[in-house]
Amino acid sequence: MYQKNMSIRQVSLLTGVSKSSVQECMNENSNPKIQTLEKLAQGLKCHITDLFESPVK
């Protein structure tokens, strides 16, 4: 989302995931369902692992 310079609303429309779910996924304390992550990755045309930020490589 950040790399593509998109808003929460744009991501929601593109992926079919509600705005509240997109915002919740951005929260570091959330545990989104795998189905939600799959929809996000598919809509954003990226790998599901690209949705995770981690200092561990």
PDB file of N, CA and C in Angstrom:
ATOM      1  N   MET A   1       0.833  -1.182   0.000  1.00  0.00           N
ATOM      2  CA  MET A   1       0.000   0.000   0.000  1.00  0.00           C
ATOM      3  C   MET A   1       0.881   1.251   0.000  1.00  0.00           C
ATOM      4  N   TYR A   2       1.868   1.267   0.898  1.00  0.00           N
ATOM      5  CA  TYR A   2       2.737   2.438   0.973  1.00  0.00           C
ATOM      6  C   TYR A   2       3.601   2.559  -0.280  1.00  0.00           C
ATOM      7  N   GLN A   3       4.120   1.438  -0.757  1.00  0.00           N
ATOM      8  CA  GLN A   3       4.985   1.468  -1.932  1.00  0.00           C
ATOM      9  C   GLN A   3       4.222   1.904  -3.176  1.00  0.00           C
ATOM     10  N   LYS A   4       2.922   1.608  -3.209  1.00  0.00           N
ATOM     11  CA  LYS A   4       2.106   1.982  -4.362  1.00  0.00           C
ATOM     12  C   LYS A   4       1.395   3.310  -4.151  1.00  0.00           C
ATOM     13  N   ASN A   5       1.677   3.955  -3.001  1.00  0.00           N
ATOM     14  CA  ASN A   5       1.111   5.262  -2.677  1.00  0.00           C
ATOM     15  C   ASN A   5      -0.420   5.251  -2.769  1.00  0.00           C
ATOM     16  N   MET A   6      -1.024   4.273  -2.092  1.00  0.00           N
ATOM     17  CA  MET A   6      -2.472   4.103  -2.129  1.00  0.00           C
ATOM     18  C   MET A   6      -3.087   4.404  -0.763  1.00  0.00           C
ATOM     19  N   SER A   7      -4.320   4.867  -0.796  1.00  0.00           N
ATOM     20  CA  SER A   7      -5.046   5.118   0.446  1.00  0.00           C
ATOM     21  C   SER A   7      -5.744   3.838   0.897  1.00  0.00           C
ATOM     22  N   ILE A   8      -6.214   3.831   2.121  1.00  0.00           N
ATOM     23  CA  ILE A   8      -6.967   2.698   2.647  1.00  0.00           C
ATOM     24  C   ILE A   8      -8.199   2.461   1.788  1.00  0.00           C
ATOM     25  N   ARG A   9      -8.856   3.519   1.394  1.00  0.00           N
ATOM     26  CA  ARG A   9     -10.057   3.405   0.558  1.00  0.00           C
ATOM     27  C   ARG A   9      -9.734   2.753  -0.783  1.00  0.00           C
ATOM     28  N   GLN A  10      -8.647   3.175  -1.404  1.00  0.00           N
ATOM     29  CA  GLN A  10      -8.255   2.612  -2.691  1.00  0.00           C
ATOM     30  C   GLN A  10      -7.946   1.124  -2.568  1.00  0.00           C
ATOM     31  N   VAL A  11      -7.241   0.753  -1.513  1.00  0.00           N
ATOM     32  CA  VAL A  11      -6.917  -0.660  -1.293  1.00  0.00           C
ATOM     33  C   VAL A  11      -8.197  -1.456  -1.080  1.00  0.00           C
ATOM     34  N   SER A  12      -9.110  -0.897  -0.322  1.00  0.00           N
ATOM     35  CA  SER A  12     -10.384  -1.556  -0.065  1.00  0.00           C
ATOM     36  C   SER A  12     -11.151  -1.813  -1.361  1.00  0.00           C
ATOM     37  N   LEU A  13     -11.243  -0.819  -2.197  1.00  0.00           N
ATOM     38  CA  LEU A  13     -11.960  -0.961  -3.470  1.00  0.00           C
ATOM     39  C   LEU A  13     -11.280  -1.960  -4.402  1.00  0.00           C
ATOM     40  N   LEU A  14      -9.974  -1.946  -4.406  1.00  0.00           N
ATOM     41  CA  LEU A  14      -9.202  -2.813  -5.292  1.00  0.00           C
ATOM     42  C   LEU A  14      -9.238  -4.275  -4.856  1.00  0.00           C
ATOM     43  N   THR A  15      -9.285  -4.511  -3.553  1.00  0.00           N
ATOM     44  CA  THR A  15      -9.156  -5.871  -3.030  1.00  0.00           C
ATOM     45  C   THR A  15     -10.470  -6.500  -2.588  1.00  0.00           C
ATOM     46  N   GLY A  16     -11.484  -5.686  -2.344  1.00  0.00           N
ATOM     47  CA  GLY A  16     -12.734  -6.224  -1.820  1.00  0.00           C
ATOM     48  C   GLY A  16     -12.708  -6.436  -0.328  1.00  0.00           C
ATOM     49  N   VAL A  17     -11.685  -5.942   0.338  1.00  0.00           N
ATOM     50  CA  VAL A  17     -11.557  -6.031   1.788  1.00  0.00           C
ATOM     51  C   VAL A  17     -12.065  -4.712   2.367  1.00  0.00           C
ATOM     52  N   SER A  18     -12.870  -4.778   3.411  1.00  0.00           N
ATOM     53  CA  SER A  18     -13.444  -3.558   3.974  1.00  0.00           C
ATOM     54  C   SER A  18     -12.347  -2.604   4.465  1.00  0.00           C
ATOM     55  N   LYS A  19     -12.690  -1.319   4.486  1.00  0.00           N
ATOM     56  CA  LYS A  19     -11.727  -0.309   4.942  1.00  0.00           C
ATOM     57  C   LYS A  19     -11.290  -0.592   6.372  1.00  0.00           C
ATOM     58  N   SER A  20     -12.231  -0.997   7.222  1.00  0.00           N
ATOM     59  CA  SER A  20     -11.880  -1.272   8.611  1.00  0.00           C
ATOM     60  C   SER A  20     -10.924  -2.461   8.719  1.00  0.00           C
ATOM     61  N   SER A  21     -11.103  -3.465   7.853  1.00  0.00           N
ATOM     62  CA  SER A  21     -10.193  -4.617   7.871  1.00  0.00           C
ATOM     63  C   SER A  21      -8.815  -4.237   7.361  1.00  0.00           C
ATOM     64  N   VAL A  22      -8.760  -3.390   6.337  1.00  0.00           N
ATOM     65  CA  VAL A  22      -7.464  -2.922   5.826  1.00  0.00           C
ATOM     66  C   VAL A  22      -6.738  -2.161   6.922  1.00  0.00           C
ATOM     67  N   GLN A  23      -7.456  -1.275   7.589  1.00  0.00           N
ATOM     68  CA  GLN A  23      -6.849  -0.487   8.658  1.00  0.00           C
ATOM     69  C   GLN A  23      -6.407  -1.387   9.803  1.00  0.00           C
ATOM     70  N   GLU A  24      -7.201  -2.391  10.124  1.00  0.00           N
ATOM     71  CA  GLU A  24      -6.853  -3.321  11.191  1.00  0.00           C
ATOM     72  C   GLU A  24      -5.595  -4.109  10.837  1.00  0.00           C
ATOM     73  N   CYS A  25      -5.454  -4.485   9.570  1.00  0.00           N
ATOM     74  CA  CYS A  25      -4.262  -5.222   9.128  1.00  0.00           C
ATOM     75  C   CYS A  25      -3.001  -4.382   9.275  1.00  0.00           C
ATOM     76  N   MET A  26      -3.145  -3.088   9.185  1.00  0.00           N
ATOM     77  CA  MET A  26      -2.008  -2.188   9.324  1.00  0.00           C
ATOM     78  C   MET A  26      -1.555  -2.065  10.774  1.00  0.00           C
ATOM     79  N   ASN A  27      -2.432  -2.442  11.700  1.00  0.00           N
ATOM     80  CA  ASN A  27      -2.133  -2.400  13.121  1.00  0.00           C
ATOM     81  C   ASN A  27      -1.203  -3.561  13.466  1.00  0.00           C
ATOM     82  N   GLU A  28      -0.094  -3.272  14.094  1.00  0.00           N
ATOM     83  CA  GLU A  28       0.893  -4.300  14.419  1.00  0.00           C
ATOM     84  C   GLU A  28       0.357  -5.347  15.394  1.00  0.00           C
ATOM     85  N   ASN A  29      -0.693  -5.036  16.114  1.00  0.00           N
ATOM     86  CA  ASN A  29      -1.225  -5.971  17.102  1.00  0.00           C
ATOM     87  C   ASN A  29      -2.343  -6.850  16.550  1.00  0.00           C
ATOM     88  N   SER A  30      -2.648  -6.729  15.269  1.00  0.00           N
ATOM     89  CA  SER A  30      -3.751  -7.499  14.697  1.00  0.00           C
ATOM     90  C   SER A  30      -3.254  -8.837  14.172  1.00  0.00           C
ATOM     91  N   ASN A  31      -4.168  -9.760  14.061  1.00  0.00           N
ATOM     92  CA  ASN A  31      -3.890 -11.077  13.491  1.00  0.00           C
ATOM     93  C   ASN A  31      -4.925 -11.344  12.399  1.00  0.00           C
ATOM     94  N   PRO A  32      -4.714 -10.789  11.201  1.00  0.00           N
ATOM     95  CA  PRO A  32      -5.702 -10.963  10.134  1.00  0.00           C
ATOM     96  C   PRO A  32      -5.790 -12.414   9.683  1.00  0.00           C
ATOM     97  N   LYS A  33      -6.950 -12.782   9.179  1.00  0.00           N
ATOM     98  CA  LYS A  33      -7.149 -14.128   8.647  1.00  0.00           C
ATOM     99  C   LYS A  33      -6.345 -14.282   7.361  1.00  0.00           C
ATOM    100  N   ILE A  34      -5.959 -15.513   7.088  1.00  0.00           N
ATOM    101  CA  ILE A  34      -5.175 -15.785   5.884  1.00  0.00           C
ATOM    102  C   ILE A  34      -5.965 -15.417   4.630  1.00  0.00           C
ATOM    103  N   GLN A  35      -7.291 -15.584   4.683  1.00  0.00           N
ATOM    104  CA  GLN A  35      -8.125 -15.239   3.531  1.00  0.00           C
ATOM    105  C   GLN A  35      -8.056 -13.737   3.241  1.00  0.00           C
ATOM    106  N   THR A  36      -8.008 -12.940   4.284  1.00  0.00           N
ATOM    107  CA  THR A  36      -7.896 -11.491   4.120  1.00  0.00           C
ATOM    108  C   THR A  36      -6.556 -11.140   3.500  1.00  0.00           C
ATOM    109  N   LEU A  37      -5.501 -11.762   3.978  1.00  0.00           N
ATOM    110  CA  LEU A  37      -4.171 -11.501   3.426  1.00  0.00           C
ATOM    111  C   LEU A  37      -4.083 -11.944   1.970  1.00  0.00           C
ATOM    112  N   GLU A  38      -4.739 -13.058   1.641  1.00  0.00           N
ATOM    113  CA  GLU A  38      -4.745 -13.521   0.252  1.00  0.00           C
ATOM    114  C   GLU A  38      -5.464 -12.531  -0.658  1.00  0.00           C
ATOM    115  N   LYS A  39      -6.588 -11.991  -0.198  1.00  0.00           N
ATOM    116  CA  LYS A  39      -7.317 -10.995  -0.988  1.00  0.00           C
ATOM    117  C   LYS A  39      -6.473  -9.745  -1.191  1.00  0.00           C
ATOM    118  N   LEU A  40      -5.800  -9.315  -0.129  1.00  0.00           N
ATOM    119  CA  LEU A  40      -4.955  -8.128  -0.228  1.00  0.00           C
ATOM    120  C   LEU A  40      -3.814  -8.353  -1.219  1.00  0.00           C
ATOM    121  N   ALA A  41      -3.146  -9.483  -1.099  1.00  0.00           N
ATOM    122  CA  ALA A  41      -2.027  -9.776  -1.996  1.00  0.00           C
ATOM    123  C   ALA A  41      -2.499  -9.876  -3.442  1.00  0.00           C
ATOM    124  N   GLN A  42      -3.619 -10.531  -3.657  1.00  0.00           N
ATOM    125  CA  GLN A  42      -4.141 -10.675  -5.016  1.00  0.00           C
ATOM    126  C   GLN A  42      -4.521  -9.315  -5.600  1.00  0.00           C
ATOM    127  N   GLY A  43      -5.224  -8.506  -4.816  1.00  0.00           N
ATOM    128  CA  GLY A  43      -5.650  -7.193  -5.291  1.00  0.00           C
ATOM    129  C   GLY A  43      -4.489  -6.243  -5.533  1.00  0.00           C
ATOM    130  N   LEU A  44      -3.465  -6.353  -4.713  1.00  0.00           N
ATOM    131  CA  LEU A  44      -2.295  -5.485  -4.846  1.00  0.00           C
ATOM    132  C   LEU A  44      -1.254  -6.056  -5.812  1.00  0.00           C
ATOM    133  N   LYS A  45      -1.540  -7.252  -6.317  1.00  0.00           N
ATOM    134  CA  LYS A  45      -0.646  -7.932  -7.268  1.00  0.00           C
ATOM    135  C   LYS A  45       0.768  -8.076  -6.690  1.00  0.00           C
ATOM    136  N   CYS A  46       0.805  -8.701  -5.515  1.00  0.00           N
ATOM    137  CA  CYS A  46       2.088  -8.945  -4.867  1.00  0.00           C
ATOM    138  C   CYS A  46       2.035 -10.314  -4.190  1.00  0.00           C
ATOM    139  N   HIS A  47       3.164 -10.758  -3.706  1.00  0.00           N
ATOM    140  CA  HIS A  47       3.218 -12.008  -2.951  1.00  0.00           C
ATOM    141  C   HIS A  47       2.712 -11.741  -1.537  1.00  0.00           C
ATOM    142  N   ILE A  48       2.093 -12.735  -0.948  1.00  0.00           N
ATOM    143  CA  ILE A  48       1.552 -12.567   0.395  1.00  0.00           C
ATOM    144  C   ILE A  48       2.661 -12.200   1.390  1.00  0.00           C
ATOM    145  N   THR A  49       3.865 -12.692   1.169  1.00  0.00           N
ATOM    146  CA  THR A  49       4.976 -12.379   2.066  1.00  0.00           C
ATOM    147  C   THR A  49       5.398 -10.913   1.976  1.00  0.00           C
ATOM    148  N   ASP A  50       5.058 -10.264   0.872  1.00  0.00           N
ATOM    149  CA  ASP A  50       5.370  -8.839   0.724  1.00  0.00           C
ATOM    150  C   ASP A  50       4.555  -7.982   1.690  1.00  0.00           C
ATOM    151  N   LEU A  51       3.492  -8.553   2.246  1.00  0.00           N
ATOM    152  CA  LEU A  51       2.638  -7.797   3.160  1.00  0.00           C
ATOM    153  C   LEU A  51       3.204  -7.697   4.560  1.00  0.00           C
ATOM    154  N   PHE A  52       4.270  -8.464   4.835  1.00  0.00           N
ATOM    155  CA  PHE A  52       4.870  -8.479   6.159  1.00  0.00           C
ATOM    156  C   PHE A  52       6.142  -7.657   6.194  1.00  0.00           C
ATOM    157  N   GLU A  53       6.265  -6.861   7.239  1.00  0.00           N
ATOM    158  CA  GLU A  53       7.518  -6.147   7.476  1.00  0.00           C
ATOM    159  C   GLU A  53       8.236  -6.841   8.612  1.00  0.00           C
ATOM    160  N   SER A  54       9.473  -7.143   8.403  1.00  0.00           N
ATOM    161  CA  SER A  54      10.245  -7.812   9.442  1.00  0.00           C
ATOM    162  C   SER A  54      11.703  -7.442   9.298  1.00  0.00           C
ATOM    163  N   PRO A  55      12.376  -7.198  10.416  1.00  0.00           N
ATOM    164  CA  PRO A  55      13.814  -6.922  10.357  1.00  0.00           C
ATOM    165  C   PRO A  55      14.614  -8.189  10.056  1.00  0.00           C
ATOM    166  N   VAL A  56      13.972  -9.346  10.208  1.00  0.00           N
ATOM    167  CA  VAL A  56      14.635 -10.630   9.950  1.00  0.00           C
ATOM    168  C   VAL A  56      14.543 -10.944   8.462  1.00  0.00           C
ATOM    169  N   LYS A  57      15.651 -11.219   7.862  1.00  0.00           N
ATOM    170  CA  LYS A  57      15.688 -11.531   6.419  1.00  0.00           C
ATOM    171  C   LYS A  57      16.095 -12.965   6.217  1.00  0.00           C
TER     172      LYS A  57
END
